[in-house]
């Protein structure tokens, strides 16, 4: 499945404009603290609609090997419409055997080591 250029461009933009919490978590991932390889903002194909449109999502961090996705939630995710969209995306990911771990932005800033240890329990 070839990823459309518009999705690739969105992915590049997200990688260039990471939140402070994403930068912190990425440093721990890159330094090998989680033992496995994660990719950041890597497009993931979900399905093709009846209209032949391919659907992708761009998770914050994805470990393809272990089928784990780390989603970093900040205040916008508390908005009802965004929250429902997050639940729908999580449901779609579960259908293709991915485990989604949602982490609050503030949790990473306040207690990074606790977050790292929590992620390790899923690995």
PDB file of N, CA and C in Angstrom:
ATOM      1  N   UNK A   1       0.843  -1.178   0.000  1.00  0.00           N
ATOM      2  CA  UNK A   1       0.000   0.000   0.000  1.00  0.00           C
ATOM      3  C   UNK A   1       0.885   1.236   0.000  1.00  0.00           C
ATOM      4  N   UNK A   2       0.782   2.022  -1.036  1.00  0.00           N
ATOM      5  CA  UNK A   2       1.568   3.246  -1.151  1.00  0.00           C
ATOM      6  C   UNK A   2       0.873   4.361  -0.354  1.00  0.00           C
ATOM      7  N   UNK A   3       1.639   5.007   0.514  1.00  0.00           N
ATOM      8  CA  UNK A   3       1.107   6.095   1.317  1.00  0.00           C
ATOM      9  C   UNK A   3       1.033   7.369   0.474  1.00  0.00           C
ATOM     10  N   UNK A   4      -0.129   8.006   0.416  1.00  0.00           N
ATOM     11  CA  UNK A   4      -0.268   9.225  -0.374  1.00  0.00           C
ATOM     12  C   UNK A   4       0.657  10.339   0.117  1.00  0.00           C
ATOM     13  N   UNK A   5       1.081  11.181  -0.785  1.00  0.00           N
ATOM     14  CA  UNK A   5       2.014  12.265  -0.456  1.00  0.00           C
ATOM     15  C   UNK A   5       1.435  13.203   0.612  1.00  0.00           C
ATOM     16  N   UNK A   6       0.142  13.455   0.576  1.00  0.00           N
ATOM     17  CA  UNK A   6      -0.459  14.354   1.562  1.00  0.00           C
ATOM     18  C   UNK A   6      -0.323  13.798   2.985  1.00  0.00           C
ATOM     19  N   UNK A   7      -0.413  12.479   3.121  1.00  0.00           N
ATOM     20  CA  UNK A   7      -0.242  11.828   4.427  1.00  0.00           C
ATOM     21  C   UNK A   7       1.226  11.889   4.838  1.00  0.00           C
ATOM     22  N   UNK A   8       2.129  11.629   3.907  1.00  0.00           N
ATOM     23  CA  UNK A   8       3.566  11.701   4.199  1.00  0.00           C
ATOM     24  C   UNK A   8       3.963  13.114   4.627  1.00  0.00           C
ATOM     25  N   UNK A   9       3.418  14.112   3.960  1.00  0.00           N
ATOM     26  CA  UNK A   9       3.722  15.505   4.299  1.00  0.00           C
ATOM     27  C   UNK A   9       3.200  15.845   5.695  1.00  0.00           C
ATOM     28  N   UNK A  10       1.997  15.387   6.018  1.00  0.00           N
ATOM     29  CA  UNK A  10       1.441  15.613   7.358  1.00  0.00           C
ATOM     30  C   UNK A  10       2.315  14.949   8.413  1.00  0.00           C
ATOM     31  N   UNK A  11       2.795  13.757   8.113  1.00  0.00           N
ATOM     32  CA  UNK A  11       3.669  13.030   9.026  1.00  0.00           C
ATOM     33  C   UNK A  11       4.973  13.799   9.258  1.00  0.00           C
ATOM     34  N   UNK A  12       5.565  14.301   8.180  1.00  0.00           N
ATOM     35  CA  UNK A  12       6.810  15.088   8.300  1.00  0.00           C
ATOM     36  C   UNK A  12       6.592  16.339   9.156  1.00  0.00           C
ATOM     37  N   UNK A  13       5.472  16.996   8.925  1.00  0.00           N
ATOM     38  CA  UNK A  13       5.155  18.213   9.671  1.00  0.00           C
ATOM     39  C   UNK A  13       5.007  17.909  11.167  1.00  0.00           C
ATOM     40  N   UNK A  14       4.341  16.806  11.490  1.00  0.00           N
ATOM     41  CA  UNK A  14       4.183  16.416  12.889  1.00  0.00           C
ATOM     42  C   UNK A  14       5.528  16.089  13.538  1.00  0.00           C
ATOM     43  N   UNK A  15       6.419  15.446  12.800  1.00  0.00           N
ATOM     44  CA  UNK A  15       7.753  15.132  13.340  1.00  0.00           C
ATOM     45  C   UNK A  15       8.557  16.406  13.610  1.00  0.00           C
ATOM     46  N   UNK A  16       8.387  17.395  12.762  1.00  0.00           N
ATOM     47  CA  UNK A  16       9.127  18.656  12.928  1.00  0.00           C
ATOM     48  C   UNK A  16       8.568  19.514  14.053  1.00  0.00           C
ATOM     49  N   UNK A  17       7.309  19.312  14.405  1.00  0.00           N
ATOM     50  CA  UNK A  17       6.631  20.158  15.392  1.00  0.00           C
ATOM     51  C   UNK A  17       6.126  19.354  16.583  1.00  0.00           C
ATOM     52  N   UNK A  18       7.007  18.565  17.178  1.00  0.00           N
ATOM     53  CA  UNK A  18       6.604  17.738  18.313  1.00  0.00           C
ATOM     54  C   UNK A  18       6.366  18.604  19.550  1.00  0.00           C
ATOM     55  N   UNK A  19       5.457  18.147  20.401  1.00  0.00           N
ATOM     56  CA  UNK A  19       5.223  18.832  21.672  1.00  0.00           C
ATOM     57  C   UNK A  19       6.406  18.557  22.599  1.00  0.00           C
ATOM     58  N   UNK A  20       6.480  19.318  23.665  1.00  0.00           N
ATOM     59  CA  UNK A  20       7.561  19.120  24.638  1.00  0.00           C
ATOM     60  C   UNK A  20       7.537  17.699  25.201  1.00  0.00           C
ATOM     61  N   UNK A  21       6.359  17.196  25.495  1.00  0.00           N
ATOM     62  CA  UNK A  21       6.235  15.833  26.038  1.00  0.00           C
ATOM     63  C   UNK A  21       6.669  14.785  25.016  1.00  0.00           C
ATOM     64  N   UNK A  22       6.335  14.990  23.754  1.00  0.00           N
ATOM     65  CA  UNK A  22       6.769  14.060  22.707  1.00  0.00           C
ATOM     66  C   UNK A  22       8.288  14.065  22.578  1.00  0.00           C
ATOM     67  N   UNK A  23       8.895  15.232  22.694  1.00  0.00           N
ATOM     68  CA  UNK A  23      10.360  15.337  22.624  1.00  0.00           C
ATOM     69  C   UNK A  23      10.994  14.567  23.786  1.00  0.00           C
ATOM     70  N   UNK A  24      10.443  14.736  24.976  1.00  0.00           N
ATOM     71  CA  UNK A  24      10.968  14.030  26.153  1.00  0.00           C
ATOM     72  C   UNK A  24      10.865  12.523  25.954  1.00  0.00           C
ATOM     73  N   UNK A  25       9.685  12.054  25.564  1.00  0.00           N
ATOM     74  CA  UNK A  25       9.482  10.615  25.379  1.00  0.00           C
ATOM     75  C   UNK A  25      10.360  10.082  24.248  1.00  0.00           C
ATOM     76  N   UNK A  26      10.496  10.835  23.176  1.00  0.00           N
ATOM     77  CA  UNK A  26      11.326  10.409  22.051  1.00  0.00           C
ATOM     78  C   UNK A  26      12.781  10.254  22.481  1.00  0.00           C
ATOM     79  N   UNK A  27      13.262  11.137  23.356  1.00  0.00           N
ATOM     80  CA  UNK A  27      14.640  11.022  23.849  1.00  0.00           C
ATOM     81  C   UNK A  27      14.823   9.678  24.569  1.00  0.00           C
ATOM     82  N   UNK A  28      13.865   9.303  25.399  1.00  0.00           N
ATOM     83  CA  UNK A  28      13.958   8.031  26.118  1.00  0.00           C
ATOM     84  C   UNK A  28      13.887   6.845  25.152  1.00  0.00           C
ATOM     85  N   UNK A  29      13.038   6.955  24.160  1.00  0.00           N
ATOM     86  CA  UNK A  29      12.914   5.879  23.174  1.00  0.00           C
ATOM     87  C   UNK A  29      14.224   5.732  22.394  1.00  0.00           C
ATOM     88  N   UNK A  30      14.747   6.855  21.893  1.00  0.00           N
ATOM     89  CA  UNK A  30      15.981   6.811  21.098  1.00  0.00           C
ATOM     90  C   UNK A  30      17.181   6.326  21.907  1.00  0.00           C
ATOM     91  N   UNK A  31      17.182   6.585  23.203  1.00  0.00           N
ATOM     92  CA  UNK A  31      18.312   6.175  24.030  1.00  0.00           C
ATOM     93  C   UNK A  31      18.237   4.707  24.438  1.00  0.00           C
ATOM     94  N   UNK A  32      17.199   3.998  23.972  1.00  0.00           N
ATOM     95  CA  UNK A  32      17.105   2.560  24.214  1.00  0.00           C
ATOM     96  C   UNK A  32      16.466   2.164  25.524  1.00  0.00           C
ATOM     97  N   UNK A  33      15.853   3.093  26.220  1.00  0.00           N
ATOM     98  CA  UNK A  33      15.257   2.800  27.535  1.00  0.00           C
ATOM     99  C   UNK A  33      14.044   1.866  27.447  1.00  0.00           C
ATOM    100  N   UNK A  34      13.457   1.737  26.251  1.00  0.00           N
ATOM    101  CA  UNK A  34      12.280   0.868  26.113  1.00  0.00           C
ATOM    102  C   UNK A  34      12.597  -0.461  25.432  1.00  0.00           C
ATOM    103  N   UNK A  35      13.845  -0.689  25.087  1.00  0.00           N
ATOM    104  CA  UNK A  35      14.344  -1.977  24.570  1.00  0.00           C
ATOM    105  C   UNK A  35      13.898  -2.327  23.158  1.00  0.00           C
ATOM    106  N   UNK A  36      12.867  -1.700  22.642  1.00  0.00           N
ATOM    107  CA  UNK A  36      12.367  -2.034  21.305  1.00  0.00           C
ATOM    108  C   UNK A  36      12.340  -0.777  20.438  1.00  0.00           C
ATOM    109  N   UNK A  37      12.187  -1.005  19.141  1.00  0.00           N
ATOM    110  CA  UNK A  37      12.191   0.105  18.194  1.00  0.00           C
ATOM    111  C   UNK A  37      10.791   0.715  18.071  1.00  0.00           C
ATOM    112  N   UNK A  38      10.714   2.014  18.266  1.00  0.00           N
ATOM    113  CA  UNK A  38       9.500   2.778  18.012  1.00  0.00           C
ATOM    114  C   UNK A  38       9.798   3.754  16.888  1.00  0.00           C
ATOM    115  N   UNK A  39       8.789   4.027  16.091  1.00  0.00           N
ATOM    116  CA  UNK A  39       8.862   5.063  15.070  1.00  0.00           C
ATOM    117  C   UNK A  39       7.947   6.193  15.518  1.00  0.00           C
ATOM    118  N   UNK A  40       8.271   7.407  15.113  1.00  0.00           N
ATOM    119  CA  UNK A  40       7.406   8.518  15.504  1.00  0.00           C
ATOM    120  C   UNK A  40       6.677   9.072  14.291  1.00  0.00           C
ATOM    121  N   UNK A  41       5.410   9.331  14.501  1.00  0.00           N
ATOM    122  CA  UNK A  41       4.570   9.929  13.467  1.00  0.00           C
ATOM    123  C   UNK A  41       4.653   9.158  12.145  1.00  0.00           C
ATOM    124  N   UNK A  42       4.600   7.843  12.222  1.00  0.00           N
ATOM    125  CA  UNK A  42       4.678   6.965  11.057  1.00  0.00           C
ATOM    126  C   UNK A  42       3.261   6.633  10.587  1.00  0.00           C
ATOM    127  N   UNK A  43       2.903   6.986   9.345  1.00  0.00           N
ATOM    128  CA  UNK A  43       1.558   6.670   8.857  1.00  0.00           C
ATOM    129  C   UNK A  43       1.283   5.164   8.896  1.00  0.00           C
ATOM    130  N   UNK A  44       0.063   4.837   9.270  1.00  0.00           N
ATOM    131  CA  UNK A  44      -0.353   3.446   9.364  1.00  0.00           C
ATOM    132  C   UNK A  44      -1.645   3.274   8.563  1.00  0.00           C
ATOM    133  N   UNK A  45      -1.604   2.366   7.606  1.00  0.00           N
ATOM    134  CA  UNK A  45      -2.787   2.078   6.788  1.00  0.00           C
ATOM    135  C   UNK A  45      -3.820   1.346   7.632  1.00  0.00           C
ATOM    136  N   UNK A  46      -5.084   1.767   7.539  1.00  0.00           N
ATOM    137  CA  UNK A  46      -6.154   1.115   8.285  1.00  0.00           C
ATOM    138  C   UNK A  46      -7.062   0.279   7.391  1.00  0.00           C
ATOM    139  N   UNK A  47      -7.604   0.881   6.354  1.00  0.00           N
ATOM    140  CA  UNK A  47      -8.531   0.158   5.490  1.00  0.00           C
ATOM    141  C   UNK A  47      -8.831   0.992   4.253  1.00  0.00           C
ATOM    142  N   UNK A  48      -9.522   0.381   3.302  1.00  0.00           N
ATOM    143  CA  UNK A  48     -10.023   1.085   2.126  1.00  0.00           C
ATOM    144  C   UNK A  48     -11.539   1.135   2.217  1.00  0.00           C
ATOM    145  N   UNK A  49     -12.090   2.338   2.081  1.00  0.00           N
ATOM    146  CA  UNK A  49     -13.541   2.510   2.160  1.00  0.00           C
ATOM    147  C   UNK A  49     -14.216   1.991   0.892  1.00  0.00           C
ATOM    148  N   UNK A  50     -15.526   1.879   0.956  1.00  0.00           N
ATOM    149  CA  UNK A  50     -16.311   1.472  -0.223  1.00  0.00           C
ATOM    150  C   UNK A  50     -16.083   2.414  -1.396  1.00  0.00           C
ATOM    151  N   UNK A  51     -15.744   3.663  -1.089  1.00  0.00           N
ATOM    152  CA  UNK A  51     -15.496   4.649  -2.143  1.00  0.00           C
ATOM    153  C   UNK A  51     -14.064   4.545  -2.666  1.00  0.00           C
ATOM    154  N   UNK A  52     -13.356   3.533  -2.278  1.00  0.00           N
ATOM    155  CA  UNK A  52     -11.978   3.262  -2.685  1.00  0.00           C
ATOM    156  C   UNK A  52     -10.977   4.269  -2.152  1.00  0.00           C
ATOM    157  N   UNK A  53     -11.361   4.989  -1.083  1.00  0.00           N
ATOM    158  CA  UNK A  53     -10.423   5.887  -0.425  1.00  0.00           C
ATOM    159  C   UNK A  53      -9.665   5.119   0.648  1.00  0.00           C
ATOM    160  N   UNK A  54      -8.363   5.213   0.619  1.00  0.00           N
ATOM    161  CA  UNK A  54      -7.546   4.561   1.644  1.00  0.00           C
ATOM    162  C   UNK A  54      -7.533   5.431   2.895  1.00  0.00           C
ATOM    163  N   UNK A  55      -7.635   4.795   4.042  1.00  0.00           N
ATOM    164  CA  UNK A  55      -7.640   5.500   5.320  1.00  0.00           C
ATOM    165  C   UNK A  55      -6.370   5.195   6.088  1.00  0.00           C
ATOM    166  N   UNK A  56      -5.730   6.242   6.552  1.00  0.00           N
ATOM    167  CA  UNK A  56      -4.505   6.141   7.334  1.00  0.00           C
ATOM    168  C   UNK A  56      -4.692   6.918   8.631  1.00  0.00           C
ATOM    169  N   UNK A  57      -3.902   6.552   9.638  1.00  0.00           N
ATOM    170  CA  UNK A  57      -3.753   7.405  10.810  1.00  0.00           C
ATOM    171  C   UNK A  57      -2.263   7.618  11.011  1.00  0.00           C
ATOM    172  N   UNK A  58      -1.937   8.626  11.796  1.00  0.00           N
ATOM    173  CA  UNK A  58      -0.534   8.916  12.099  1.00  0.00           C
ATOM    174  C   UNK A  58      -0.388   8.899  13.617  1.00  0.00           C
ATOM    175  N   UNK A  59      -0.014   7.757  14.182  1.00  0.00           N
ATOM    176  CA  UNK A  59       0.155   7.682  15.639  1.00  0.00           C
ATOM    177  C   UNK A  59       1.383   8.481  16.087  1.00  0.00           C
ATOM    178  N   UNK A  60       1.353   8.922  17.338  1.00  0.00           N
ATOM    179  CA  UNK A  60       2.510   9.651  17.872  1.00  0.00           C
ATOM    180  C   UNK A  60       3.755   8.765  17.841  1.00  0.00           C
ATOM    181  N   UNK A  61       3.634   7.549  18.390  1.00  0.00           N
ATOM    182  CA  UNK A  61       4.735   6.581  18.382  1.00  0.00           C
ATOM    183  C   UNK A  61       4.158   5.192  18.130  1.00  0.00           C
ATOM    184  N   UNK A  62       4.871   4.405  17.328  1.00  0.00           N
ATOM    185  CA  UNK A  62       4.381   3.067  16.999  1.00  0.00           C
ATOM    186  C   UNK A  62       5.530   2.067  17.048  1.00  0.00           C
ATOM    187  N   UNK A  63       5.268   0.948  17.696  1.00  0.00           N
ATOM    188  CA  UNK A  63       6.192  -0.186  17.695  1.00  0.00           C
ATOM    189  C   UNK A  63       5.499  -1.274  16.882  1.00  0.00           C
ATOM    190  N   UNK A  64       5.925  -1.422  15.639  1.00  0.00           N
ATOM    191  CA  UNK A  64       5.298  -2.386  14.737  1.00  0.00           C
ATOM    192  C   UNK A  64       5.537  -3.807  15.236  1.00  0.00           C
ATOM    193  N   UNK A  65       6.737  -4.061  15.729  1.00  0.00           N
ATOM    194  CA  UNK A  65       7.114  -5.394  16.210  1.00  0.00           C
ATOM    195  C   UNK A  65       6.162  -5.906  17.293  1.00  0.00           C
ATOM    196  N   UNK A  66       5.816  -5.045  18.251  1.00  0.00           N
ATOM    197  CA  UNK A  66       4.964  -5.454  19.366  1.00  0.00           C
ATOM    198  C   UNK A  66       3.515  -5.000  19.202  1.00  0.00           C
ATOM    199  N   UNK A  67       3.225  -4.306  18.084  1.00  0.00           N
ATOM    200  CA  UNK A  67       1.888  -3.803  17.804  1.00  0.00           C
ATOM    201  C   UNK A  67       1.372  -2.926  18.941  1.00  0.00           C
ATOM    202  N   UNK A  68       2.204  -1.960  19.324  1.00  0.00           N
ATOM    203  CA  UNK A  68       1.851  -1.014  20.376  1.00  0.00           C
ATOM    204  C   UNK A  68       1.936   0.399  19.824  1.00  0.00           C
ATOM    205  N   UNK A  69       0.950   1.199  20.181  1.00  0.00           N
ATOM    206  CA  UNK A  69       0.919   2.606  19.799  1.00  0.00           C
ATOM    207  C   UNK A  69       0.858   3.439  21.073  1.00  0.00           C
ATOM    208  N   UNK A  70       1.712   4.449  21.125  1.00  0.00           N
ATOM    209  CA  UNK A  70       1.698   5.403  22.228  1.00  0.00           C
ATOM    210  C   UNK A  70       1.076   6.696  21.710  1.00  0.00           C
ATOM    211  N   UNK A  71       0.001   7.101  22.343  1.00  0.00           N
ATOM    212  CA  UNK A  71      -0.663   8.359  21.978  1.00  0.00           C
ATOM    213  C   UNK A  71      -0.523   9.328  23.138  1.00  0.00           C
ATOM    214  N   UNK A  72       0.008  10.498  22.851  1.00  0.00           N
ATOM    215  CA  UNK A  72       0.210  11.521  23.866  1.00  0.00           C
ATOM    216  C   UNK A  72      -0.973  12.487  23.786  1.00  0.00           C
ATOM    217  N   UNK A  73      -1.741  12.547  24.861  1.00  0.00           N
ATOM    218  CA  UNK A  73      -2.944  13.376  24.891  1.00  0.00           C
ATOM    219  C   UNK A  73      -2.692  14.673  25.644  1.00  0.00           C
ATOM    220  N   UNK A  74      -3.105  15.767  25.049  1.00  0.00           N
ATOM    221  CA  UNK A  74      -3.051  17.058  25.722  1.00  0.00           C
ATOM    222  C   UNK A  74      -4.457  17.617  25.799  1.00  0.00           C
ATOM    223  N   UNK A  75      -4.633  18.841  26.205  1.00  0.00           N
ATOM    224  CA  UNK A  75      -5.954  19.375  26.546  1.00  0.00           C
ATOM    225  C   UNK A  75      -6.985  19.261  25.423  1.00  0.00           C
ATOM    226  N   UNK A  76      -6.577  19.324  24.174  1.00  0.00           N
ATOM    227  CA  UNK A  76      -7.544  19.229  23.069  1.00  0.00           C
ATOM    228  C   UNK A  76      -8.265  17.878  23.066  1.00  0.00           C
ATOM    229  N   UNK A  77      -7.630  16.861  23.609  1.00  0.00           N
ATOM    230  CA  UNK A  77      -8.231  15.528  23.648  1.00  0.00           C
ATOM    231  C   UNK A  77      -9.361  15.428  24.672  1.00  0.00           C
ATOM    232  N   UNK A  78      -9.527  16.468  25.496  1.00  0.00           N
ATOM    233  CA  UNK A  78     -10.636  16.509  26.451  1.00  0.00           C
ATOM    234  C   UNK A  78     -11.923  17.020  25.818  1.00  0.00           C
ATOM    235  N   UNK A  79     -11.827  17.611  24.651  1.00  0.00           N
ATOM    236  CA  UNK A  79     -13.014  18.083  23.938  1.00  0.00           C
ATOM    237  C   UNK A  79     -13.792  16.865  23.458  1.00  0.00           C
ATOM    238  N   UNK A  80     -15.090  16.882  23.696  1.00  0.00           N
ATOM    239  CA  UNK A  80     -15.940  15.716  23.432  1.00  0.00           C
ATOM    240  C   UNK A  80     -15.777  15.179  22.006  1.00  0.00           C
ATOM    241  N   UNK A  81     -15.795  16.031  21.023  1.00  0.00           N
ATOM    242  CA  UNK A  81     -15.688  15.608  19.627  1.00  0.00           C
ATOM    243  C   UNK A  81     -14.348  14.916  19.345  1.00  0.00           C
ATOM    244  N   UNK A  82     -13.280  15.477  19.879  1.00  0.00           N
ATOM    245  CA  UNK A  82     -11.941  14.894  19.700  1.00  0.00           C
ATOM    246  C   UNK A  82     -11.852  13.572  20.456  1.00  0.00           C
ATOM    247  N   UNK A  83     -12.399  13.539  21.659  1.00  0.00           N
ATOM    248  CA  UNK A  83     -12.395  12.323  22.469  1.00  0.00           C
ATOM    249  C   UNK A  83     -13.099  11.175  21.741  1.00  0.00           C
ATOM    250  N   UNK A  84     -14.253  11.471  21.133  1.00  0.00           N
ATOM    251  CA  UNK A  84     -14.992  10.438  20.392  1.00  0.00           C
ATOM    252  C   UNK A  84     -14.201   9.966  19.170  1.00  0.00           C
ATOM    253  N   UNK A  85     -13.535  10.894  18.505  1.00  0.00           N
ATOM    254  CA  UNK A  85     -12.695  10.522  17.370  1.00  0.00           C
ATOM    255  C   UNK A  85     -11.543   9.625  17.825  1.00  0.00           C
ATOM    256  N   UNK A  86     -10.941   9.954  18.972  1.00  0.00           N
ATOM    257  CA  UNK A  86      -9.874   9.111  19.536  1.00  0.00           C
ATOM    258  C   UNK A  86     -10.375   7.701  19.821  1.00  0.00           C
ATOM    259  N   UNK A  87     -11.564   7.591  20.395  1.00  0.00           N
ATOM    260  CA  UNK A  87     -12.142   6.271  20.686  1.00  0.00           C
ATOM    261  C   UNK A  87     -12.386   5.479  19.409  1.00  0.00           C
ATOM    262  N   UNK A  88     -12.862   6.150  18.377  1.00  0.00           N
ATOM    263  CA  UNK A  88     -13.105   5.484  17.100  1.00  0.00           C
ATOM    264  C   UNK A  88     -11.790   4.979  16.496  1.00  0.00           C
ATOM    265  N   UNK A  89     -10.770   5.828  16.506  1.00  0.00           N
ATOM    266  CA  UNK A  89      -9.465   5.406  15.973  1.00  0.00           C
ATOM    267  C   UNK A  89      -8.905   4.241  16.780  1.00  0.00           C
ATOM    268  N   UNK A  90      -9.085   4.286  18.087  1.00  0.00           N
ATOM    269  CA  UNK A  90      -8.604   3.192  18.931  1.00  0.00           C
ATOM    270  C   UNK A  90      -9.341   1.896  18.599  1.00  0.00           C
ATOM    271  N   UNK A  91     -10.624   1.968  18.352  1.00  0.00           N
ATOM    272  CA  UNK A  91     -11.411   0.801  17.966  1.00  0.00           C
ATOM    273  C   UNK A  91     -10.894   0.222  16.645  1.00  0.00           C
ATOM    274  N   UNK A  92     -10.624   1.096  15.671  1.00  0.00           N
ATOM    275  CA  UNK A  92     -10.077   0.639  14.388  1.00  0.00           C
ATOM    276  C   UNK A  92      -8.722  -0.040  14.577  1.00  0.00           C
ATOM    277  N   UNK A  93      -7.896   0.514  15.431  1.00  0.00           N
ATOM    278  CA  UNK A  93      -6.571  -0.063  15.674  1.00  0.00           C
ATOM    279  C   UNK A  93      -6.671  -1.429  16.358  1.00  0.00           C
ATOM    280  N   UNK A  94      -7.604  -1.562  17.267  1.00  0.00           N
ATOM    281  CA  UNK A  94      -7.802  -2.855  17.933  1.00  0.00           C
ATOM    282  C   UNK A  94      -8.221  -3.927  16.930  1.00  0.00           C
ATOM    283  N   UNK A  95      -8.951  -3.530  15.905  1.00  0.00           N
ATOM    284  CA  UNK A  95      -9.369  -4.484  14.876  1.00  0.00           C
ATOM    285  C   UNK A  95      -8.184  -5.053  14.105  1.00  0.00           C
ATOM    286  N   UNK A  96      -7.069  -4.313  14.060  1.00  0.00           N
ATOM    287  CA  UNK A  96      -5.865  -4.826  13.394  1.00  0.00           C
ATOM    288  C   UNK A  96      -4.793  -5.182  14.438  1.00  0.00           C
ATOM    289  N   UNK A  97      -5.254  -5.484  15.645  1.00  0.00           N
ATOM    290  CA  UNK A  97      -4.438  -6.064  16.702  1.00  0.00           C
ATOM    291  C   UNK A  97      -3.415  -5.120  17.331  1.00  0.00           C
ATOM    292  N   UNK A  98      -3.649  -3.838  17.283  1.00  0.00           N
ATOM    293  CA  UNK A  98      -2.754  -2.893  17.954  1.00  0.00           C
ATOM    294  C   UNK A  98      -3.300  -2.551  19.332  1.00  0.00           C
ATOM    295  N   UNK A  99      -2.394  -2.425  20.276  1.00  0.00           N
ATOM    296  CA  UNK A  99      -2.715  -1.971  21.634  1.00  0.00           C
ATOM    297  C   UNK A  99      -2.378  -0.488  21.688  1.00  0.00           C
ATOM    298  N   UNK A 100      -3.325   0.334  22.116  1.00  0.00           N
ATOM    299  CA  UNK A 100      -3.112   1.774  22.213  1.00  0.00           C
ATOM    300  C   UNK A 100      -2.921   2.145  23.680  1.00  0.00           C
ATOM    301  N   UNK A 101      -1.823   2.795  23.959  1.00  0.00           N
ATOM    302  CA  UNK A 101      -1.543   3.292  25.302  1.00  0.00           C
ATOM    303  C   UNK A 101      -1.653   4.813  25.245  1.00  0.00           C
ATOM    304  N   UNK A 102      -2.609   5.348  25.971  1.00  0.00           N
ATOM    305  CA  UNK A 102      -2.823   6.790  26.012  1.00  0.00           C
ATOM    306  C   UNK A 102      -2.091   7.354  27.229  1.00  0.00           C
ATOM    307  N   UNK A 103      -1.324   8.394  26.999  1.00  0.00           N
ATOM    308  CA  UNK A 103      -0.533   9.008  28.067  1.00  0.00           C
ATOM    309  C   UNK A 103      -0.820  10.504  28.070  1.00  0.00           C
ATOM    310  N   UNK A 104      -1.116  11.036  29.232  1.00  0.00           N
ATOM    311  CA  UNK A 104      -1.371  12.471  29.348  1.00  0.00           C
ATOM    312  C   UNK A 104      -0.051  13.237  29.226  1.00  0.00           C
ATOM    313  N   UNK A 105      -0.115  14.336  28.521  1.00  0.00           N
ATOM    314  CA  UNK A 105       1.026  15.218  28.334  1.00  0.00           C
ATOM    315  C   UNK A 105       1.714  15.542  29.663  1.00  0.00           C
ATOM    316  N   UNK A 106       0.908  15.943  30.644  1.00  0.00           N
ATOM    317  CA  UNK A 106       1.457  16.344  31.944  1.00  0.00           C
ATOM    318  C   UNK A 106       2.136  15.190  32.674  1.00  0.00           C
ATOM    319  N   UNK A 107       1.637  13.967  32.474  1.00  0.00           N
ATOM    320  CA  UNK A 107       2.253  12.799  33.116  1.00  0.00           C
ATOM    321  C   UNK A 107       3.709  12.653  32.700  1.00  0.00           C
ATOM    322  N   UNK A 108       3.972  12.861  31.420  1.00  0.00           N
ATOM    323  CA  UNK A 108       5.334  12.727  30.912  1.00  0.00           C
ATOM    324  C   UNK A 108       6.235  13.780  31.530  1.00  0.00           C
ATOM    325  N   UNK A 109       5.745  15.007  31.626  1.00  0.00           N
ATOM    326  CA  UNK A 109       6.541  16.094  32.189  1.00  0.00           C
ATOM    327  C   UNK A 109       6.785  15.917  33.680  1.00  0.00           C
ATOM    328  N   UNK A 110       5.765  15.469  34.406  1.00  0.00           N
ATOM    329  CA  UNK A 110       5.851  15.385  35.862  1.00  0.00           C
ATOM    330  C   UNK A 110       6.565  14.134  36.352  1.00  0.00           C
ATOM    331  N   UNK A 111       6.359  13.007  35.692  1.00  0.00           N
ATOM    332  CA  UNK A 111       6.903  11.744  36.197  1.00  0.00           C
ATOM    333  C   UNK A 111       7.304  10.839  35.033  1.00  0.00           C
ATOM    334  N   UNK A 112       8.315  11.248  34.317  1.00  0.00           N
ATOM    335  CA  UNK A 112       8.747  10.541  33.108  1.00  0.00           C
ATOM    336  C   UNK A 112       9.107   9.091  33.401  1.00  0.00           C
ATOM    337  N   UNK A 113       9.837   8.843  34.480  1.00  0.00           N
ATOM    338  CA  UNK A 113      10.270   7.470  34.767  1.00  0.00           C
ATOM    339  C   UNK A 113       9.093   6.550  35.073  1.00  0.00           C
ATOM    340  N   UNK A 114       8.071   7.082  35.714  1.00  0.00           N
ATOM    341  CA  UNK A 114       6.863   6.286  35.966  1.00  0.00           C
ATOM    342  C   UNK A 114       6.203   5.910  34.632  1.00  0.00           C
ATOM    343  N   UNK A 115       6.141   6.851  33.699  1.00  0.00           N
ATOM    344  CA  UNK A 115       5.563   6.598  32.379  1.00  0.00           C
ATOM    345  C   UNK A 115       6.384   5.547  31.634  1.00  0.00           C
ATOM    346  N   UNK A 116       7.708   5.679  31.674  1.00  0.00           N
ATOM    347  CA  UNK A 116       8.587   4.723  30.994  1.00  0.00           C
ATOM    348  C   UNK A 116       8.370   3.317  31.564  1.00  0.00           C
ATOM    349  N   UNK A 117       8.308   3.205  32.872  1.00  0.00           N
ATOM    350  CA  UNK A 117       8.086   1.894  33.500  1.00  0.00           C
ATOM    351  C   UNK A 117       6.714   1.329  33.163  1.00  0.00           C
ATOM    352  N   UNK A 118       5.703   2.204  33.075  1.00  0.00           N
ATOM    353  CA  UNK A 118       4.361   1.747  32.690  1.00  0.00           C
ATOM    354  C   UNK A 118       4.376   1.197  31.266  1.00  0.00           C
ATOM    355  N   UNK A 119       5.050   1.890  30.347  1.00  0.00           N
ATOM    356  CA  UNK A 119       5.146   1.423  28.960  1.00  0.00           C
ATOM    357  C   UNK A 119       5.866   0.078  28.911  1.00  0.00           C
ATOM    358  N   UNK A 120       6.908  -0.080  29.703  1.00  0.00           N
ATOM    359  CA  UNK A 120       7.662  -1.332  29.727  1.00  0.00           C
ATOM    360  C   UNK A 120       6.779  -2.523  30.108  1.00  0.00           C
ATOM    361  N   UNK A 121       5.770  -2.289  30.931  1.00  0.00           N
ATOM    362  CA  UNK A 121       4.894  -3.407  31.329  1.00  0.00           C
ATOM    363  C   UNK A 121       4.116  -3.950  30.135  1.00  0.00           C
ATOM    364  N   UNK A 122       3.907  -3.129  29.114  1.00  0.00           N
ATOM    365  CA  UNK A 122       3.198  -3.579  27.906  1.00  0.00           C
ATOM    366  C   UNK A 122       4.115  -4.261  26.912  1.00  0.00           C
ATOM    367  N   UNK A 123       5.414  -4.088  27.090  1.00  0.00           N
ATOM    368  CA  UNK A 123       6.370  -4.676  26.151  1.00  0.00           C
ATOM    369  C   UNK A 123       6.680  -6.092  26.575  1.00  0.00           C
TER     370      UNK A 123
END
